[in-house]
Amino acid sequence: MLPVKFKKLSPLAKMPTYANEGDAGADLYSIDYGVLQARERRLISTGISIEIPKGYVGFIHPRSGLAAKLGISIVNAPGTIDSGYRGEIKVNIINHNTLPYSYCIGDRIAQIVFQQYEQAEFEEIEEDLEESIRGVNGHGSTGGFDGRI
């Protein structure tokens, strides 16, 4: 298991928790309450800061139940928490529904998934890049969508 230190910045804050053994995402909890109107977005506080070990990143993902049942997602999904960030984790949620969404203190609003990464060493070249099957074909070039509604 990856050791991640966290600090409560508010007495309302909760430690991130895994719902089930083997889950990749740990739930993050709101310390705010309010109503998010249809199509509105807002930063919601979790009241915690974390210390992610170097070589790892935390990705903030939407909760699938909120997305499927209520149309609640994250604007910048997944949100990226770099190992050097020590500020409060806030979740930028959006209401894709046509109805308002009420959230309360202690509600599970997102989940964080940790992943190991490597930084790239970029090398500028003058010649063409190595050819590939996909080549320079853009978005949607691998098929599966013909543009009809």
N, C-alpha and C. Protein backbone atom coordinates (compact mmCIF):
# COMPACT_ATOMS: atom_id res chain seq x y z
N MET A 1 0.84 -1.19 0.00
CA MET A 1 0.00 0.00 0.00
C MET A 1 0.88 1.24 0.00
N LEU A 2 0.43 2.26 -0.69
CA LEU A 2 1.14 3.52 -0.80
C LEU A 2 0.85 4.38 0.44
N PRO A 3 1.87 4.77 1.19
CA PRO A 3 1.62 5.63 2.35
C PRO A 3 1.38 7.07 1.91
N VAL A 4 0.22 7.64 2.27
CA VAL A 4 -0.12 9.02 1.92
C VAL A 4 -0.53 9.74 3.20
N LYS A 5 0.22 10.76 3.57
CA LYS A 5 -0.11 11.56 4.75
C LYS A 5 -1.20 12.56 4.38
N PHE A 6 -2.10 12.83 5.33
CA PHE A 6 -3.11 13.85 5.08
C PHE A 6 -3.29 14.69 6.34
N LYS A 7 -3.79 15.90 6.13
CA LYS A 7 -4.03 16.81 7.25
C LYS A 7 -5.44 17.35 7.14
N LYS A 8 -6.15 17.32 8.27
CA LYS A 8 -7.48 17.94 8.32
C LYS A 8 -7.29 19.45 8.49
N LEU A 9 -7.90 20.20 7.60
CA LEU A 9 -7.84 21.65 7.65
C LEU A 9 -9.11 22.22 8.28
N SER A 10 -10.04 21.34 8.57
CA SER A 10 -11.34 21.73 9.15
C SER A 10 -11.78 20.60 10.08
N PRO A 11 -12.48 20.94 11.17
CA PRO A 11 -13.01 19.88 12.04
C PRO A 11 -14.10 19.06 11.34
N LEU A 12 -14.63 19.56 10.24
CA LEU A 12 -15.67 18.84 9.48
C LEU A 12 -15.08 17.82 8.50
N ALA A 13 -13.77 17.89 8.30
CA ALA A 13 -13.12 17.05 7.29
C ALA A 13 -13.11 15.59 7.71
N LYS A 14 -13.13 14.72 6.70
CA LYS A 14 -13.03 13.27 6.90
C LYS A 14 -11.84 12.73 6.13
N MET A 15 -11.25 11.69 6.68
CA MET A 15 -10.18 10.99 5.99
C MET A 15 -10.76 10.31 4.74
N PRO A 16 -10.04 10.34 3.61
CA PRO A 16 -10.51 9.58 2.44
C PRO A 16 -10.64 8.10 2.81
N THR A 17 -11.66 7.44 2.28
CA THR A 17 -11.89 6.04 2.62
C THR A 17 -12.20 5.23 1.37
N TYR A 18 -11.82 3.96 1.42
CA TYR A 18 -12.17 3.00 0.37
C TYR A 18 -13.46 2.29 0.80
N ALA A 19 -14.42 2.21 -0.09
CA ALA A 19 -15.69 1.55 0.22
C ALA A 19 -15.52 0.04 0.35
N ASN A 20 -14.67 -0.53 -0.48
CA ASN A 20 -14.48 -1.98 -0.50
C ASN A 20 -13.00 -2.32 -0.66
N GLU A 21 -12.61 -3.46 -0.14
CA GLU A 21 -11.26 -3.94 -0.33
C GLU A 21 -10.99 -4.10 -1.82
N GLY A 22 -9.84 -3.63 -2.26
CA GLY A 22 -9.49 -3.75 -3.66
C GLY A 22 -9.93 -2.58 -4.53
N ASP A 23 -10.70 -1.63 -3.98
CA ASP A 23 -11.12 -0.46 -4.76
C ASP A 23 -9.91 0.39 -5.12
N ALA A 24 -9.91 0.96 -6.31
CA ALA A 24 -8.83 1.85 -6.74
C ALA A 24 -9.03 3.26 -6.21
N GLY A 25 -10.29 3.70 -6.12
CA GLY A 25 -10.59 5.06 -5.72
C GLY A 25 -11.02 5.17 -4.27
N ALA A 26 -10.43 6.14 -3.56
CA ALA A 26 -10.84 6.45 -2.19
C ALA A 26 -11.79 7.64 -2.23
N ASP A 27 -12.91 7.53 -1.52
CA ASP A 27 -13.92 8.59 -1.53
C ASP A 27 -13.41 9.84 -0.84
N LEU A 28 -13.77 10.98 -1.42
CA LEU A 28 -13.51 12.29 -0.84
C LEU A 28 -14.84 12.88 -0.40
N TYR A 29 -14.82 13.59 0.74
CA TYR A 29 -16.05 14.07 1.38
C TYR A 29 -16.12 15.59 1.39
N SER A 30 -17.31 16.11 1.23
CA SER A 30 -17.55 17.55 1.26
C SER A 30 -17.57 18.08 2.69
N ILE A 31 -17.04 19.30 2.87
CA ILE A 31 -17.24 20.00 4.14
C ILE A 31 -18.17 21.19 3.91
N ASP A 32 -18.74 21.27 2.71
CA ASP A 32 -19.67 22.34 2.34
C ASP A 32 -21.07 21.78 2.19
N TYR A 33 -22.02 22.66 2.14
CA TYR A 33 -23.38 22.28 1.78
C TYR A 33 -23.94 23.37 0.86
N GLY A 34 -24.87 22.97 0.03
CA GLY A 34 -25.46 23.95 -0.88
C GLY A 34 -26.27 23.27 -1.95
N VAL A 35 -26.69 24.08 -2.90
CA VAL A 35 -27.47 23.60 -4.03
C VAL A 35 -26.76 24.04 -5.30
N LEU A 36 -26.52 23.08 -6.15
CA LEU A 36 -25.90 23.34 -7.45
C LEU A 36 -27.02 23.31 -8.49
N GLN A 37 -27.25 24.43 -9.10
CA GLN A 37 -28.33 24.53 -10.09
C GLN A 37 -27.96 23.77 -11.37
N ALA A 38 -28.95 23.51 -12.19
CA ALA A 38 -28.71 22.84 -13.47
C ALA A 38 -27.65 23.59 -14.26
N ARG A 39 -26.70 22.85 -14.80
CA ARG A 39 -25.61 23.36 -15.63
C ARG A 39 -24.61 24.22 -14.86
N GLU A 40 -24.74 24.33 -13.57
CA GLU A 40 -23.82 25.13 -12.76
C GLU A 40 -22.61 24.29 -12.35
N ARG A 41 -21.48 24.95 -12.15
CA ARG A 41 -20.28 24.28 -11.64
C ARG A 41 -19.78 25.07 -10.44
N ARG A 42 -19.06 24.35 -9.55
CA ARG A 42 -18.60 24.97 -8.31
C ARG A 42 -17.46 24.16 -7.71
N LEU A 43 -16.53 24.85 -7.07
CA LEU A 43 -15.48 24.20 -6.29
C LEU A 43 -16.04 23.85 -4.92
N ILE A 44 -15.94 22.59 -4.56
CA ILE A 44 -16.42 22.14 -3.25
C ILE A 44 -15.21 21.70 -2.43
N SER A 45 -15.14 22.20 -1.21
CA SER A 45 -14.02 21.92 -0.32
C SER A 45 -14.12 20.55 0.31
N THR A 46 -12.95 19.92 0.47
CA THR A 46 -12.89 18.65 1.21
C THR A 46 -12.32 18.85 2.61
N GLY A 47 -11.66 19.98 2.83
CA GLY A 47 -11.09 20.24 4.15
C GLY A 47 -9.84 19.45 4.47
N ILE A 48 -9.22 18.86 3.45
CA ILE A 48 -7.98 18.11 3.68
C ILE A 48 -6.91 18.54 2.69
N SER A 49 -5.67 18.36 3.10
CA SER A 49 -4.52 18.44 2.20
C SER A 49 -3.77 17.12 2.34
N ILE A 50 -3.05 16.76 1.28
CA ILE A 50 -2.36 15.47 1.31
C ILE A 50 -0.91 15.64 0.84
N GLU A 51 -0.09 14.68 1.22
CA GLU A 51 1.31 14.64 0.80
C GLU A 51 1.51 13.37 -0.02
N ILE A 52 1.47 13.54 -1.32
CA ILE A 52 1.64 12.42 -2.24
C ILE A 52 3.13 12.19 -2.45
N PRO A 53 3.62 10.97 -2.31
CA PRO A 53 5.05 10.70 -2.51
C PRO A 53 5.49 11.07 -3.92
N LYS A 54 6.75 11.51 -4.06
CA LYS A 54 7.31 11.81 -5.38
C LYS A 54 7.22 10.56 -6.25
N GLY A 55 6.95 10.78 -7.53
CA GLY A 55 6.80 9.67 -8.47
C GLY A 55 5.36 9.19 -8.57
N TYR A 56 4.46 9.82 -7.81
CA TYR A 56 3.04 9.46 -7.83
C TYR A 56 2.21 10.71 -8.07
N VAL A 57 1.00 10.51 -8.53
CA VAL A 57 0.04 11.59 -8.76
C VAL A 57 -1.32 11.10 -8.25
N GLY A 58 -2.14 12.03 -7.81
CA GLY A 58 -3.51 11.71 -7.42
C GLY A 58 -4.46 12.24 -8.47
N PHE A 59 -5.32 11.39 -8.99
CA PHE A 59 -6.32 11.80 -9.97
C PHE A 59 -7.69 11.84 -9.30
N ILE A 60 -8.38 12.96 -9.43
CA ILE A 60 -9.71 13.11 -8.86
C ILE A 60 -10.72 12.72 -9.94
N HIS A 61 -11.49 11.68 -9.65
CA HIS A 61 -12.48 11.15 -10.59
C HIS A 61 -13.89 11.39 -10.07
N PRO A 62 -14.86 11.48 -10.98
CA PRO A 62 -16.26 11.54 -10.55
C PRO A 62 -16.66 10.22 -9.88
N ARG A 63 -17.67 10.29 -9.05
CA ARG A 63 -18.25 9.06 -8.50
C ARG A 63 -19.27 8.56 -9.50
N SER A 64 -19.19 7.30 -9.88
CA SER A 64 -20.03 6.77 -10.95
C SER A 64 -21.52 6.83 -10.59
N GLY A 65 -21.86 6.61 -9.33
CA GLY A 65 -23.27 6.67 -8.93
C GLY A 65 -23.85 8.06 -9.08
N LEU A 66 -23.09 9.09 -8.69
CA LEU A 66 -23.57 10.47 -8.86
C LEU A 66 -23.71 10.81 -10.34
N ALA A 67 -22.78 10.35 -11.13
CA ALA A 67 -22.83 10.63 -12.57
C ALA A 67 -24.03 9.94 -13.23
N ALA A 68 -24.20 8.66 -12.95
CA ALA A 68 -25.26 7.89 -13.60
C ALA A 68 -26.65 8.29 -13.13
N LYS A 69 -26.80 8.48 -11.83
CA LYS A 69 -28.13 8.75 -11.27
C LYS A 69 -28.53 10.22 -11.31
N LEU A 70 -27.55 11.12 -11.14
CA LEU A 70 -27.89 12.54 -10.98
C LEU A 70 -27.21 13.47 -11.97
N GLY A 71 -26.35 12.95 -12.83
CA GLY A 71 -25.68 13.80 -13.81
C GLY A 71 -24.60 14.69 -13.22
N ILE A 72 -24.06 14.32 -12.06
CA ILE A 72 -23.03 15.11 -11.39
C ILE A 72 -21.66 14.56 -11.79
N SER A 73 -20.80 15.44 -12.27
CA SER A 73 -19.47 15.01 -12.70
C SER A 73 -18.44 16.05 -12.26
N ILE A 74 -17.25 15.93 -12.79
CA ILE A 74 -16.16 16.84 -12.49
C ILE A 74 -15.78 17.56 -13.78
N VAL A 75 -15.66 18.87 -13.70
CA VAL A 75 -15.39 19.68 -14.88
C VAL A 75 -14.09 19.25 -15.55
N ASN A 76 -13.04 19.09 -14.80
CA ASN A 76 -11.72 18.77 -15.36
C ASN A 76 -11.35 17.31 -15.11
N ALA A 77 -12.30 16.41 -15.27
CA ALA A 77 -12.08 15.00 -14.95
C ALA A 77 -11.06 14.37 -15.88
N PRO A 78 -10.07 13.67 -15.36
CA PRO A 78 -9.77 13.67 -13.93
C PRO A 78 -8.96 14.89 -13.54
N GLY A 79 -9.22 15.40 -12.36
CA GLY A 79 -8.40 16.47 -11.81
C GLY A 79 -7.06 15.90 -11.39
N THR A 80 -6.01 16.66 -11.52
CA THR A 80 -4.67 16.18 -11.22
C THR A 80 -4.12 16.85 -9.96
N ILE A 81 -3.71 16.03 -9.00
CA ILE A 81 -3.04 16.53 -7.80
C ILE A 81 -1.59 16.06 -7.88
N ASP A 82 -0.69 17.00 -8.14
CA ASP A 82 0.73 16.68 -8.25
C ASP A 82 1.32 16.44 -6.87
N SER A 83 2.45 15.72 -6.83
CA SER A 83 3.07 15.38 -5.55
C SER A 83 3.58 16.61 -4.80
N GLY A 84 3.83 17.70 -5.49
CA GLY A 84 4.32 18.91 -4.83
C GLY A 84 3.23 19.81 -4.27
N TYR A 85 1.96 19.52 -4.56
CA TYR A 85 0.86 20.37 -4.09
C TYR A 85 0.52 20.03 -2.65
N ARG A 86 0.42 21.05 -1.82
CA ARG A 86 0.11 20.85 -0.40
C ARG A 86 -1.13 21.62 0.04
N GLY A 87 -1.83 22.23 -0.89
CA GLY A 87 -3.03 22.99 -0.54
C GLY A 87 -4.23 22.09 -0.35
N GLU A 88 -5.34 22.72 -0.02
CA GLU A 88 -6.58 21.98 0.18
C GLU A 88 -7.05 21.36 -1.14
N ILE A 89 -7.53 20.14 -1.04
CA ILE A 89 -8.13 19.50 -2.21
C ILE A 89 -9.56 20.01 -2.33
N LYS A 90 -9.84 20.59 -3.48
CA LYS A 90 -11.18 21.05 -3.80
C LYS A 90 -11.61 20.34 -5.08
N VAL A 91 -12.89 20.04 -5.18
CA VAL A 91 -13.41 19.29 -6.31
C VAL A 91 -14.29 20.21 -7.14
N ASN A 92 -13.97 20.32 -8.43
CA ASN A 92 -14.69 21.21 -9.34
C ASN A 92 -15.84 20.43 -9.99
N ILE A 93 -16.98 20.39 -9.30
CA ILE A 93 -18.10 19.58 -9.81
C ILE A 93 -19.01 20.40 -10.72
N ILE A 94 -19.73 19.68 -11.56
CA ILE A 94 -20.69 20.29 -12.48
C ILE A 94 -21.97 19.47 -12.47
N ASN A 95 -23.08 20.16 -12.58
CA ASN A 95 -24.39 19.52 -12.62
C ASN A 95 -24.86 19.49 -14.08
N HIS A 96 -24.77 18.33 -14.71
CA HIS A 96 -25.22 18.16 -16.09
C HIS A 96 -26.73 17.91 -16.17
N ASN A 97 -27.37 17.81 -15.03
CA ASN A 97 -28.80 17.51 -14.98
C ASN A 97 -29.62 18.78 -15.24
N THR A 98 -30.91 18.60 -15.45
CA THR A 98 -31.82 19.74 -15.60
C THR A 98 -32.45 20.13 -14.27
N LEU A 99 -32.16 19.35 -13.22
CA LEU A 99 -32.67 19.61 -11.88
C LEU A 99 -31.54 20.04 -10.96
N PRO A 100 -31.84 20.82 -9.91
CA PRO A 100 -30.80 21.19 -8.94
C PRO A 100 -30.29 19.96 -8.19
N TYR A 101 -29.05 20.06 -7.73
CA TYR A 101 -28.42 19.01 -6.94
C TYR A 101 -28.06 19.58 -5.58
N SER A 102 -28.59 18.98 -4.52
CA SER A 102 -28.27 19.40 -3.15
C SER A 102 -27.17 18.52 -2.60
N TYR A 103 -26.17 19.13 -1.98
CA TYR A 103 -25.10 18.37 -1.34
C TYR A 103 -24.94 18.88 0.09
N CYS A 104 -24.49 17.97 0.94
CA CYS A 104 -24.40 18.26 2.37
C CYS A 104 -22.99 17.99 2.88
N ILE A 105 -22.71 18.49 4.06
CA ILE A 105 -21.46 18.19 4.74
C ILE A 105 -21.40 16.68 4.95
N GLY A 106 -20.27 16.10 4.59
CA GLY A 106 -20.08 14.65 4.76
C GLY A 106 -20.47 13.83 3.55
N ASP A 107 -21.03 14.45 2.51
CA ASP A 107 -21.37 13.70 1.29
C ASP A 107 -20.10 13.29 0.55
N ARG A 108 -20.12 12.10 -0.03
CA ARG A 108 -19.04 11.65 -0.90
C ARG A 108 -19.22 12.34 -2.25
N ILE A 109 -18.26 13.15 -2.64
CA ILE A 109 -18.41 13.97 -3.84
C ILE A 109 -17.49 13.56 -4.99
N ALA A 110 -16.46 12.79 -4.71
CA ALA A 110 -15.51 12.38 -5.74
C ALA A 110 -14.66 11.26 -5.17
N GLN A 111 -13.73 10.78 -5.97
CA GLN A 111 -12.78 9.78 -5.48
C GLN A 111 -11.40 10.10 -6.02
N ILE A 112 -10.40 9.72 -5.25
CA ILE A 112 -9.02 9.95 -5.66
C ILE A 112 -8.35 8.61 -5.93
N VAL A 113 -7.65 8.55 -7.06
CA VAL A 113 -6.91 7.36 -7.47
C VAL A 113 -5.44 7.76 -7.60
N PHE A 114 -4.57 6.98 -7.00
CA PHE A 114 -3.13 7.26 -7.06
C PHE A 114 -2.50 6.41 -8.14
N GLN A 115 -1.54 7.02 -8.85
CA GLN A 115 -0.88 6.31 -9.93
C GLN A 115 0.58 6.73 -9.99
N GLN A 116 1.44 5.76 -10.23
CA GLN A 116 2.86 6.04 -10.41
C GLN A 116 3.06 6.60 -11.82
N TYR A 117 4.02 7.49 -11.97
CA TYR A 117 4.27 8.09 -13.28
C TYR A 117 5.77 8.30 -13.48
N GLU A 118 6.13 8.59 -14.70
CA GLU A 118 7.48 9.01 -15.04
C GLU A 118 7.39 10.32 -15.80
N GLN A 119 8.31 11.23 -15.53
CA GLN A 119 8.37 12.45 -16.32
C GLN A 119 9.07 12.15 -17.63
N ALA A 120 8.66 12.86 -18.66
CA ALA A 120 9.24 12.67 -19.99
C ALA A 120 10.46 13.57 -20.17
N GLU A 121 11.39 13.10 -20.96
CA GLU A 121 12.51 13.93 -21.39
C GLU A 121 12.27 14.21 -22.87
N PHE A 122 11.92 15.46 -23.19
CA PHE A 122 11.55 15.80 -24.56
C PHE A 122 12.80 16.05 -25.41
N GLU A 123 12.74 15.54 -26.63
CA GLU A 123 13.86 15.68 -27.57
C GLU A 123 13.30 16.20 -28.89
N GLU A 124 13.68 17.42 -29.24
CA GLU A 124 13.22 17.99 -30.51
C GLU A 124 14.03 17.37 -31.64
N ILE A 125 13.35 17.01 -32.73
CA ILE A 125 14.03 16.42 -33.89
C ILE A 125 13.66 17.21 -35.14
N GLU A 126 14.51 17.14 -36.13
CA GLU A 126 14.27 17.83 -37.41
C GLU A 126 13.58 16.89 -38.41
N GLU A 127 13.92 15.61 -38.36
CA GLU A 127 13.35 14.63 -39.31
C GLU A 127 11.93 14.26 -38.89
N ASP A 128 11.26 13.48 -39.73
CA ASP A 128 9.90 13.04 -39.43
C ASP A 128 9.89 12.05 -38.28
N LEU A 129 8.78 12.03 -37.55
CA LEU A 129 8.60 11.03 -36.50
C LEU A 129 8.45 9.65 -37.15
N GLU A 130 8.73 8.61 -36.38
CA GLU A 130 8.58 7.23 -36.86
C GLU A 130 7.13 7.00 -37.27
N GLU A 131 6.93 6.30 -38.38
CA GLU A 131 5.57 6.02 -38.85
C GLU A 131 4.86 5.05 -37.92
N SER A 132 3.52 5.16 -37.90
CA SER A 132 2.69 4.25 -37.11
C SER A 132 1.45 3.90 -37.92
N ILE A 133 0.71 2.93 -37.46
CA ILE A 133 -0.51 2.52 -38.16
C ILE A 133 -1.51 3.66 -38.24
N ARG A 134 -1.67 4.38 -37.14
CA ARG A 134 -2.64 5.47 -37.10
C ARG A 134 -2.14 6.70 -37.85
N GLY A 135 -0.86 6.93 -37.81
CA GLY A 135 -0.30 8.07 -38.53
C GLY A 135 -0.78 9.39 -37.98
N VAL A 136 -1.10 10.31 -38.88
CA VAL A 136 -1.51 11.66 -38.47
C VAL A 136 -3.04 11.81 -38.43
N ASN A 137 -3.77 10.69 -38.57
CA ASN A 137 -5.23 10.77 -38.52
C ASN A 137 -5.66 11.27 -37.14
N GLY A 138 -6.65 12.13 -37.12
CA GLY A 138 -7.05 12.82 -35.90
C GLY A 138 -8.11 12.12 -35.08
N HIS A 139 -8.84 12.91 -34.31
CA HIS A 139 -9.88 12.41 -33.41
C HIS A 139 -10.90 11.57 -34.18
N GLY A 140 -11.22 10.40 -33.65
CA GLY A 140 -12.22 9.53 -34.26
C GLY A 140 -11.71 8.71 -35.42
N SER A 141 -10.41 8.75 -35.68
CA SER A 141 -9.88 8.06 -36.85
C SER A 141 -9.82 6.56 -36.71
N THR A 142 -10.04 6.04 -35.50
CA THR A 142 -10.00 4.58 -35.35
C THR A 142 -11.39 3.96 -35.53
N GLY A 143 -12.39 4.79 -35.87
CA GLY A 143 -13.71 4.27 -36.19
C GLY A 143 -14.62 4.16 -34.99
N GLY A 144 -15.78 3.54 -35.21
CA GLY A 144 -16.75 3.35 -34.14
C GLY A 144 -17.83 4.39 -34.11
N PHE A 145 -17.66 5.48 -34.87
CA PHE A 145 -18.68 6.54 -34.91
C PHE A 145 -18.72 7.09 -36.31
N ASP A 146 -19.88 7.01 -36.93
CA ASP A 146 -19.97 7.45 -38.34
C ASP A 146 -20.57 8.84 -38.49
N GLY A 147 -20.85 9.53 -37.35
CA GLY A 147 -21.35 10.89 -37.42
C GLY A 147 -22.86 11.01 -37.48
N ARG A 148 -23.58 9.88 -37.65
CA ARG A 148 -25.04 9.97 -37.71
C ARG A 148 -25.61 9.95 -36.30
N ILE A 149 -26.70 10.66 -36.13
CA ILE A 149 -27.38 10.69 -34.81
C ILE A 149 -28.58 9.78 -34.85
